[in-house]
């Protein structure tokens, strides 16, 4: 049974969106130092090293990972290989606030994917919520100027982030189709390490393509090293740990509302470290997206 929302549980659920917002800001800060696909690969390689002492037994031949390799290869492709790589790619031409606002609409895309492919019934409230949240995304895409919709030209980052939200929504649905042993589902580090192990293949493949077909280069220095340590330990490992514990205590419905704190944190961090002040349309979009999710998730 889920517990009531205590200060400890609220803290557990607040830290992940703060770190994920920081991930977007850091990704924007180092976009000129390291290519996006390479940044994604290095992030998960560090996460792999951090997780190894916690759940190294997953790599044993008898652990069950290899008998479920197809499932974890697909989860690794969507959650490790695609989502963050596309997010870092989006940050080359879009802002952290735009990226996190569009990411906060993931629950809406999850409803659509569930209806199309997984037989989930969409209620009247969910339809209203979907319309509200999509309106919020459209405001971000047109930068708050409705006239631009008649000749809308999206920056590449907007398209990459739309693809990223689709990948993560599909990834989230596949997580519910669990076939792995029960002890994996109750052990966040083991379950994450299994995904990262397979995801490293995909992210490494994408990084290799980046170095083969573009003029990729890395500007090494302490700022980049510090950024890598942060994205590898914080958003990739610690955030998942806090999120898993918080969801177990409060339940996924309540936890989902905390996910939408990421744009707020992104606005604050962008203003502090990048000098990118939020605009009025960002606030309107945030209210529409959160309002849509609140309406859709009410019973």
Protein backbone atom coordinates (compact mmCIF):
# COMPACT_ATOMS: atom_id res chain seq x y z
CA UNK A 1 0.00 0.00 0.00
CA UNK A 2 1.28 3.49 -0.86
CA UNK A 3 2.07 5.79 2.03
CA UNK A 4 0.88 9.36 2.38
CA UNK A 5 3.15 12.05 1.00
CA UNK A 6 5.64 12.73 3.79
CA UNK A 7 8.43 15.37 3.66
CA UNK A 8 10.97 12.57 3.08
CA UNK A 9 8.98 11.16 0.16
CA UNK A 10 8.46 14.65 -1.30
CA UNK A 11 12.23 15.21 -1.13
CA UNK A 12 12.90 11.90 -2.88
CA UNK A 13 10.53 12.90 -5.68
CA UNK A 14 11.82 16.48 -5.97
CA UNK A 15 15.51 15.63 -6.35
CA UNK A 16 15.17 13.70 -9.67
CA UNK A 17 13.48 16.49 -11.69
CA UNK A 18 16.03 18.92 -10.26
CA UNK A 19 18.89 16.68 -11.47
CA UNK A 20 17.20 16.05 -14.82
CA UNK A 21 16.80 19.80 -15.32
CA UNK A 22 20.48 20.16 -14.42
CA UNK A 23 21.24 17.51 -17.03
CA UNK A 24 19.61 19.69 -19.71
CA UNK A 25 21.47 22.81 -18.56
CA UNK A 26 24.83 21.00 -18.37
CA UNK A 27 24.18 19.46 -21.79
CA UNK A 28 23.69 22.95 -23.21
CA UNK A 29 26.82 24.27 -21.43
CA UNK A 30 29.12 21.58 -22.86
CA UNK A 31 27.51 21.39 -26.32
CA UNK A 32 30.60 23.02 -27.83
CA UNK A 33 33.03 20.76 -25.95
CA UNK A 34 31.75 17.29 -26.82
CA UNK A 35 29.45 15.94 -29.57
CA UNK A 36 25.97 14.92 -28.35
CA UNK A 37 26.16 11.20 -29.18
CA UNK A 38 29.58 10.96 -27.58
CA UNK A 39 28.32 12.80 -24.48
CA UNK A 40 25.49 10.28 -24.19
CA UNK A 41 27.91 7.34 -24.51
CA UNK A 42 30.33 8.76 -21.93
CA UNK A 43 27.46 9.48 -19.53
CA UNK A 44 26.21 5.90 -19.58
CA UNK A 45 29.71 4.43 -19.53
CA UNK A 46 30.28 6.28 -16.24
CA UNK A 47 26.87 5.17 -14.98
CA UNK A 48 27.84 1.58 -15.81
CA UNK A 49 30.97 1.93 -13.66
CA UNK A 50 28.98 3.45 -10.79
CA UNK A 51 26.39 0.65 -10.94
CA UNK A 52 28.87 -2.21 -11.26
CA UNK A 53 29.70 -2.48 -7.51
CA UNK A 54 25.97 -2.37 -6.66
CA UNK A 55 24.69 -5.01 -9.08
CA UNK A 56 27.63 -6.63 -10.84
CA UNK A 57 26.00 -10.05 -10.45
CA UNK A 58 23.66 -9.09 -13.30
CA UNK A 59 26.48 -9.73 -15.77
CA UNK A 60 26.91 -13.37 -14.71
CA UNK A 61 25.77 -15.97 -17.26
CA UNK A 62 23.22 -17.34 -14.76
CA UNK A 63 21.65 -13.98 -13.84
CA UNK A 64 18.89 -14.10 -16.45
CA UNK A 65 20.06 -11.02 -18.38
CA UNK A 66 21.18 -12.99 -21.40
CA UNK A 67 17.99 -15.05 -21.60
CA UNK A 68 16.05 -11.76 -21.78
CA UNK A 69 18.57 -9.98 -23.99
CA UNK A 70 16.04 -9.01 -26.69
CA UNK A 71 13.85 -7.17 -24.19
CA UNK A 72 16.78 -5.34 -22.61
CA UNK A 73 18.26 -4.56 -26.02
CA UNK A 74 15.01 -2.78 -26.94
CA UNK A 75 14.78 -0.99 -23.57
CA UNK A 76 18.44 -0.01 -23.90
CA UNK A 77 17.87 1.33 -27.42
CA UNK A 78 14.92 3.54 -26.42
CA UNK A 79 15.86 4.62 -22.87
CA UNK A 80 19.66 4.72 -23.01
CA UNK A 81 20.58 4.90 -26.69
CA UNK A 82 17.88 7.23 -28.04
CA UNK A 83 16.22 9.42 -25.40
CA UNK A 84 19.22 11.19 -23.90
CA UNK A 85 21.17 11.22 -27.17
CA UNK A 86 18.26 13.01 -28.86
CA UNK A 87 17.96 15.37 -25.88
CA UNK A 88 21.64 16.33 -26.08
CA UNK A 89 21.26 16.72 -29.84
CA UNK A 90 18.23 18.96 -29.27
CA UNK A 91 20.23 21.17 -26.90
CA UNK A 92 22.55 22.14 -29.76
CA UNK A 93 19.79 24.37 -31.19
CA UNK A 94 17.10 24.56 -28.47
CA UNK A 95 17.13 25.82 -24.88
CA UNK A 96 17.01 23.70 -21.70
CA UNK A 97 13.64 25.24 -20.81
CA UNK A 98 12.11 24.36 -24.18
CA UNK A 99 13.53 20.84 -23.94
CA UNK A 100 12.21 20.17 -20.42
CA UNK A 101 8.80 21.68 -21.23
CA UNK A 102 8.41 19.35 -24.17
CA UNK A 103 9.66 16.42 -22.09
CA UNK A 104 7.02 17.16 -19.44
CA UNK A 105 4.36 16.19 -21.98
CA UNK A 106 5.60 12.59 -21.97
CA UNK A 107 2.61 11.33 -19.89
CA UNK A 108 0.29 12.59 -22.64
CA UNK A 109 2.20 10.74 -25.35
CA UNK A 110 2.07 7.69 -23.11
CA UNK A 111 -1.74 7.86 -23.18
CA UNK A 112 -1.73 8.06 -26.97
CA UNK A 113 0.69 5.16 -27.41
CA UNK A 114 -1.26 3.11 -24.88
CA UNK A 115 -4.46 3.69 -26.85
CA UNK A 116 -2.89 2.95 -30.24
CA UNK A 117 -0.80 -0.11 -29.46
CA UNK A 118 -1.50 -1.43 -25.97
CA UNK A 119 -5.30 -1.47 -25.82
CA UNK A 120 -5.65 1.24 -23.17
CA UNK A 121 -9.02 2.99 -23.09
CA UNK A 122 -8.83 6.78 -23.31
CA UNK A 123 -11.43 8.57 -21.18
CA UNK A 124 -13.10 11.91 -21.85
CA UNK A 125 -10.94 13.52 -19.15
CA UNK A 126 -7.80 12.11 -20.73
CA UNK A 127 -8.77 13.55 -24.12
CA UNK A 128 -9.18 17.00 -22.53
CA UNK A 129 -5.83 16.57 -20.80
CA UNK A 130 -4.16 15.57 -24.06
CA UNK A 131 -5.55 18.65 -25.85
CA UNK A 132 -4.36 20.97 -23.05
CA UNK A 133 -0.87 19.49 -22.92
CA UNK A 134 -0.45 19.48 -26.69
CA UNK A 135 -1.52 23.14 -26.68
CA UNK A 136 1.31 23.79 -24.22
CA UNK A 137 3.81 22.06 -26.50
CA UNK A 138 2.55 24.07 -29.51
CA UNK A 139 3.08 27.32 -27.56
CA UNK A 140 6.70 26.29 -26.98
CA UNK A 141 7.16 25.37 -30.65
CA UNK A 142 5.83 28.72 -31.91
CA UNK A 143 7.59 30.69 -29.12
CA UNK A 144 4.31 32.17 -27.93
CA UNK A 145 3.52 33.83 -31.27
CA UNK A 146 0.40 32.26 -32.76
CA UNK A 147 0.97 34.01 -36.09
CA UNK A 148 4.07 31.89 -36.56
CA UNK A 149 1.88 28.78 -36.84
CA UNK A 150 0.92 29.80 -40.37
CA UNK A 151 4.55 29.55 -41.45
CA UNK A 152 6.02 27.55 -38.59
CA UNK A 153 9.66 26.62 -38.97
CA UNK A 154 10.85 24.37 -36.23
CA UNK A 155 14.46 24.45 -35.15
CA UNK A 156 16.09 21.02 -35.44
CA UNK A 157 16.19 20.73 -31.64
CA UNK A 158 12.39 20.85 -31.45
CA UNK A 159 12.07 17.91 -33.83
CA UNK A 160 14.74 15.94 -32.01
CA UNK A 161 12.95 16.50 -28.70
CA UNK A 162 9.62 15.38 -30.15
CA UNK A 163 11.32 12.17 -31.26
CA UNK A 164 12.89 11.83 -27.80
CA UNK A 165 9.53 12.15 -26.02
CA UNK A 166 8.04 9.50 -28.30
CA UNK A 167 10.97 7.15 -27.59
CA UNK A 168 10.67 7.63 -23.83
CA UNK A 169 6.89 7.17 -23.84
CA UNK A 170 7.23 3.88 -25.73
CA UNK A 171 10.07 2.87 -23.40
CA UNK A 172 7.84 3.55 -20.38
CA UNK A 173 5.08 1.35 -21.78
CA UNK A 174 7.51 -1.48 -22.47
CA UNK A 175 8.63 -1.29 -18.84
CA UNK A 176 5.14 -2.42 -17.81
CA UNK A 177 5.47 -5.59 -19.93
CA UNK A 178 7.83 -7.21 -17.45
CA UNK A 179 9.09 -10.73 -18.04
CA UNK A 180 12.29 -10.62 -16.00
CA UNK A 181 12.67 -12.27 -12.56
CA UNK A 182 10.85 -10.57 -9.67
CA UNK A 183 14.07 -9.75 -7.81
CA UNK A 184 15.08 -7.53 -10.73
CA UNK A 185 11.95 -5.43 -10.56
CA UNK A 186 12.52 -4.86 -6.83
CA UNK A 187 16.19 -3.94 -7.29
CA UNK A 188 16.55 -0.62 -9.10
CA UNK A 189 20.34 -0.92 -9.56
CA UNK A 190 20.11 -4.41 -11.12
CA UNK A 191 17.28 -3.44 -13.44
CA UNK A 192 19.06 -0.25 -14.52
CA UNK A 193 22.41 -2.00 -15.01
CA UNK A 194 20.76 -4.58 -17.29
CA UNK A 195 19.39 -1.76 -19.46
CA UNK A 196 22.65 0.21 -19.42
CA UNK A 197 24.66 -2.87 -20.40
CA UNK A 198 22.61 -3.29 -23.56
CA UNK A 199 22.21 0.46 -24.06
CA UNK A 200 25.97 0.94 -24.18
CA UNK A 201 26.04 -1.06 -27.40
CA UNK A 202 23.54 1.31 -29.04
CA UNK A 203 25.04 4.52 -27.65
CA UNK A 204 28.51 3.32 -28.64
CA UNK A 205 27.25 2.56 -32.15
CA UNK A 206 25.71 6.04 -32.47
CA UNK A 207 28.90 7.67 -31.14
CA UNK A 208 31.02 5.69 -33.62
CA UNK A 209 28.79 6.91 -36.46
CA UNK A 210 29.15 10.47 -35.19
CA UNK A 211 32.96 10.23 -35.31
CA UNK A 212 32.87 8.52 -38.71
CA UNK A 213 30.54 10.89 -40.59
CA UNK A 214 31.03 14.25 -38.85
CA UNK A 215 34.03 16.27 -37.80
CA UNK A 216 33.50 15.37 -34.13
CA UNK A 217 36.06 16.56 -31.58
CA UNK A 218 36.32 16.83 -27.80
CA UNK A 219 37.71 19.81 -25.89
CA UNK A 220 39.03 18.18 -22.72
CA UNK A 221 39.30 20.21 -19.54
CA UNK A 222 38.06 20.33 -15.97
CA UNK A 223 34.68 21.82 -16.96
CA UNK A 224 33.96 18.84 -19.22
CA UNK A 225 35.24 16.32 -16.66
CA UNK A 226 33.04 17.87 -13.95
CA UNK A 227 30.05 17.83 -16.32
CA UNK A 228 30.60 14.14 -17.17
CA UNK A 229 30.85 13.18 -13.50
CA UNK A 230 27.61 15.05 -12.80
CA UNK A 231 25.54 13.57 -15.65
CA UNK A 232 26.93 10.09 -15.00
CA UNK A 233 26.39 10.02 -11.22
CA UNK A 234 23.43 12.39 -10.75
CA UNK A 235 20.76 12.19 -13.51
CA UNK A 236 21.76 8.67 -14.61
CA UNK A 237 22.12 6.88 -11.24
CA UNK A 238 21.16 8.91 -8.16
CA UNK A 239 18.01 10.35 -9.76
CA UNK A 240 16.82 6.87 -10.74
CA UNK A 241 17.44 5.64 -7.19
CA UNK A 242 15.47 8.49 -5.57
CA UNK A 243 12.71 8.21 -8.16
CA UNK A 244 12.30 4.47 -7.61
CA UNK A 245 12.10 4.86 -3.83
CA UNK A 246 9.69 7.80 -4.13
CA UNK A 247 7.38 5.98 -6.54
CA UNK A 248 7.27 2.95 -4.23
CA UNK A 249 6.18 5.18 -1.34
CA UNK A 250 3.74 7.56 -3.05
CA UNK A 251 2.63 5.63 -6.13
CA UNK A 252 3.13 6.52 -9.81
CA UNK A 253 0.15 8.88 -10.07
CA UNK A 254 1.34 11.30 -7.39
CA UNK A 255 4.96 10.88 -8.49
CA UNK A 256 4.01 11.92 -12.02
CA UNK A 257 3.15 15.43 -10.85
CA UNK A 258 6.68 15.89 -9.49
CA UNK A 259 8.09 15.03 -12.94
CA UNK A 260 6.70 18.34 -14.15
CA UNK A 261 8.89 20.32 -11.76
CA UNK A 262 11.73 19.87 -14.27
CA UNK A 263 10.79 22.92 -16.41
CA UNK A 264 10.63 25.10 -13.30
CA UNK A 265 14.10 23.98 -12.22
CA UNK A 266 15.34 24.36 -15.80
CA UNK A 267 14.09 27.97 -15.88
CA UNK A 268 15.86 28.78 -12.60
CA UNK A 269 19.12 27.03 -13.57
CA UNK A 270 19.12 28.51 -17.08
CA UNK A 271 18.72 32.01 -15.67
CA UNK A 272 21.48 31.40 -13.13
CA UNK A 273 24.08 29.70 -15.34
CA UNK A 274 23.19 30.49 -18.97
CA UNK A 275 21.57 33.93 -18.73
CA UNK A 276 18.48 32.59 -20.54
CA UNK A 277 15.53 34.19 -18.79
CA UNK A 278 12.10 32.51 -19.07
CA UNK A 279 9.39 34.27 -21.07
CA UNK A 280 5.67 34.65 -20.42
CA UNK A 281 4.80 31.95 -22.95
CA UNK A 282 6.95 29.48 -21.01
CA UNK A 283 4.75 30.02 -17.95
CA UNK A 284 1.56 29.62 -19.98
CA UNK A 285 2.89 26.44 -21.60
CA UNK A 286 3.88 25.04 -18.20
CA UNK A 287 0.39 25.64 -16.79
CA UNK A 288 -1.26 24.04 -19.83
CA UNK A 289 0.95 20.94 -19.75
CA UNK A 290 0.61 20.42 -16.00
CA UNK A 291 -3.12 21.22 -16.13
CA UNK A 292 -3.58 18.66 -18.88
CA UNK A 293 -1.82 15.97 -16.88
CA UNK A 294 -3.82 16.80 -13.73
CA UNK A 295 -7.11 16.54 -15.67
CA UNK A 296 -6.05 13.33 -17.44
CA UNK A 297 -4.95 11.56 -14.27
CA UNK A 298 -8.05 12.36 -12.16
CA UNK A 299 -10.54 9.55 -11.67
